[in-house]
Amino acid sequence: MAFTAEIQHIRAWVFPFDATRGRLTGAGQALTPPALKVIGGLALTRDGSKLAFSGNRSGKLDLWQKSLIDGRESPIAADDYDRLGPQWSPDGTRLAYTRAKADGSQVMLWLSQSRNEESLTSFTQTFCAVWDWSPDGKWI
């Protein structure tokens, strides 16, 4: 018998950076766990305090948030849907993203203070994606 095996670790990293000189100023640090393959998008709040990321663990895309202040991380929601393409609102209090299954998708909004998820669009057979927020945070 002959076989090959491959293990991939796809993670989000942060590096200290001097924007004036265009150089790294230190060693990088992994922000996401090695057991989670980060695909499907990631987003950093404008103030750099929170990271939202979509990752594959056991064949399912889950959406997570991580505080870059205290290092705590938690899932956004846990069910049979895949969640991907997160985008933080300009003030970092709301997260818009796509919730999908094989037969369609919808745009969702998650409120970080209440940890509630609500739909912004109805479920459709067309793939929906979130690209960005308006500068004032009033529309996507």
Protein backbone atom coordinates (compact mmCIF):
# COMPACT_ATOMS: atom_id res chain seq x y z
CA MET A 1 0.00 0.00 0.00
CA ALA A 2 1.20 3.53 -0.77
CA PHE A 3 -0.34 6.84 0.20
CA THR A 4 0.49 10.45 0.87
CA ALA A 5 -0.80 12.86 3.46
CA GLU A 6 -0.79 16.60 3.77
CA ILE A 7 -1.60 18.85 6.69
CA GLN A 8 -2.33 22.53 6.14
CA HIS A 9 -2.47 25.26 8.74
CA ILE A 10 -4.06 28.37 7.31
CA ARG A 11 -4.20 31.02 10.02
CA ALA A 12 -4.53 34.77 10.42
CA TRP A 13 -1.40 36.51 11.69
CA VAL A 14 -0.55 39.99 12.95
CA PHE A 15 2.82 41.67 12.48
CA PRO A 16 4.03 44.94 14.01
CA PHE A 17 4.48 47.36 11.12
CA ASP A 18 6.03 50.80 10.69
CA ALA A 19 3.81 52.40 8.03
CA THR A 20 6.15 55.37 7.61
CA ARG A 21 9.12 53.21 6.66
CA GLY A 22 7.09 50.35 5.15
CA ARG A 23 8.78 47.69 7.31
CA LEU A 24 7.97 45.01 9.80
CA THR A 25 9.26 45.90 13.25
CA GLY A 26 9.05 42.53 14.97
CA ALA A 27 7.98 38.91 14.88
CA GLY A 28 4.47 37.92 13.89
CA GLN A 29 1.87 36.31 16.12
CA ALA A 30 -0.84 33.85 15.03
CA LEU A 31 -4.33 35.11 15.88
CA THR A 32 -6.41 32.07 14.98
CA PRO A 33 -6.21 28.50 16.30
CA PRO A 34 -4.24 25.89 14.35
CA ALA A 35 -7.23 23.49 14.26
CA LEU A 36 -9.28 26.02 12.26
CA LYS A 37 -8.45 26.50 8.57
CA VAL A 38 -9.13 30.21 8.00
CA ILE A 39 -10.96 30.55 4.68
CA GLY A 40 -14.07 32.46 3.74
CA GLY A 41 -12.84 35.84 4.94
CA LEU A 42 -11.64 37.85 7.87
CA ALA A 43 -12.23 41.41 9.00
CA LEU A 44 -10.57 43.70 11.51
CA THR A 45 -12.44 46.55 13.22
CA ARG A 46 -11.12 50.01 12.34
CA ASP A 47 -9.76 50.49 15.85
CA GLY A 48 -7.96 47.12 15.66
CA SER A 49 -9.65 45.72 18.76
CA LYS A 50 -11.62 42.83 17.21
CA LEU A 51 -11.13 40.28 14.46
CA ALA A 52 -13.94 38.34 12.78
CA PHE A 53 -12.94 35.29 10.78
CA SER A 54 -14.56 32.44 8.94
CA GLY A 55 -12.92 29.08 9.24
CA ASN A 56 -13.35 25.46 8.29
CA ARG A 57 -13.39 22.95 11.08
CA SER A 58 -14.68 19.47 10.23
CA GLY A 59 -15.99 20.57 6.82
CA LYS A 60 -18.17 23.47 8.03
CA LEU A 61 -17.53 27.22 7.76
CA ASP A 62 -18.13 28.85 11.13
CA LEU A 63 -17.80 32.53 11.93
CA TRP A 64 -15.81 33.58 15.00
CA GLN A 65 -14.88 36.81 16.71
CA LYS A 66 -11.74 37.42 18.71
CA SER A 67 -10.88 40.28 21.00
CA LEU A 68 -7.35 41.46 20.25
CA ILE A 69 -7.31 43.19 23.63
CA ASP A 70 -7.80 40.18 25.91
CA GLY A 71 -7.45 37.29 23.40
CA ARG A 72 -10.90 35.79 24.05
CA GLU A 73 -12.56 34.18 21.06
CA SER A 74 -16.11 32.96 20.58
CA PRO A 75 -18.33 31.66 17.79
CA ILE A 76 -20.90 34.00 16.27
CA ALA A 77 -23.53 31.28 15.84
CA ALA A 78 -23.65 27.48 15.82
CA ASP A 79 -26.05 25.75 13.46
CA ASP A 80 -26.11 24.01 10.08
CA TYR A 81 -25.32 27.14 8.01
CA ASP A 82 -21.95 28.23 6.67
CA ARG A 83 -21.03 31.82 7.49
CA LEU A 84 -18.50 33.77 5.46
CA GLY A 85 -17.39 37.17 4.18
CA PRO A 86 -17.56 39.16 7.44
CA GLN A 87 -17.45 42.97 7.37
CA TRP A 88 -17.42 45.09 10.55
CA SER A 89 -19.43 48.31 10.64
CA PRO A 90 -17.31 51.48 10.90
CA ASP A 91 -17.92 51.69 14.67
CA GLY A 92 -17.17 47.97 15.21
CA THR A 93 -20.50 47.18 16.87
CA ARG A 94 -22.17 45.29 14.00
CA LEU A 95 -20.97 42.53 11.72
CA ALA A 96 -22.54 41.84 8.31
CA TYR A 97 -21.86 38.54 6.56
CA THR A 98 -23.31 35.84 4.33
CA ARG A 99 -25.14 32.84 5.80
CA ALA A 100 -25.35 30.02 3.27
CA LYS A 101 -26.31 26.44 2.51
CA ALA A 102 -26.00 24.49 -0.73
CA ASP A 103 -29.39 25.75 -1.93
CA GLY A 104 -28.90 29.49 -1.31
CA SER A 105 -27.84 32.30 0.98
CA GLN A 106 -28.81 35.49 2.74
CA VAL A 107 -27.13 38.53 4.27
CA MET A 108 -27.10 38.59 8.04
CA LEU A 109 -26.31 41.16 10.73
CA TRP A 110 -24.82 40.30 14.12
CA LEU A 111 -24.88 42.80 16.97
CA SER A 112 -21.79 42.43 19.16
CA GLN A 113 -23.32 43.97 22.28
CA SER A 114 -26.43 41.77 22.41
CA ARG A 115 -24.87 38.86 20.43
CA ASN A 116 -28.10 38.66 18.40
CA GLU A 117 -28.22 37.65 14.76
CA GLU A 118 -30.86 38.99 12.39
CA SER A 119 -31.49 38.58 8.67
CA LEU A 120 -31.13 41.58 6.37
CA THR A 121 -32.31 39.75 3.25
CA SER A 122 -34.56 36.79 2.64
CA PHE A 123 -33.04 33.41 1.82
CA THR A 124 -32.54 33.19 -1.95
CA GLN A 125 -31.09 30.68 -4.40
CA THR A 126 -28.72 33.40 -5.60
CA PHE A 127 -25.45 33.80 -3.70
CA CYS A 128 -25.43 37.03 -1.66
CA ALA A 129 -22.21 38.71 -0.55
CA VAL A 130 -21.32 41.66 1.65
CA TRP A 131 -18.55 43.91 0.31
CA ASP A 132 -18.41 46.90 2.65
CA TRP A 133 -20.31 49.41 4.76
CA SER A 134 -21.01 53.03 3.90
CA PRO A 135 -18.66 55.46 5.73
CA ASP A 136 -21.50 56.49 8.07
CA GLY A 137 -22.46 52.85 8.78
CA LYS A 138 -26.08 53.32 7.65
CA TRP A 139 -26.05 50.90 4.71
CA ILE A 140 -24.14 47.96 3.29
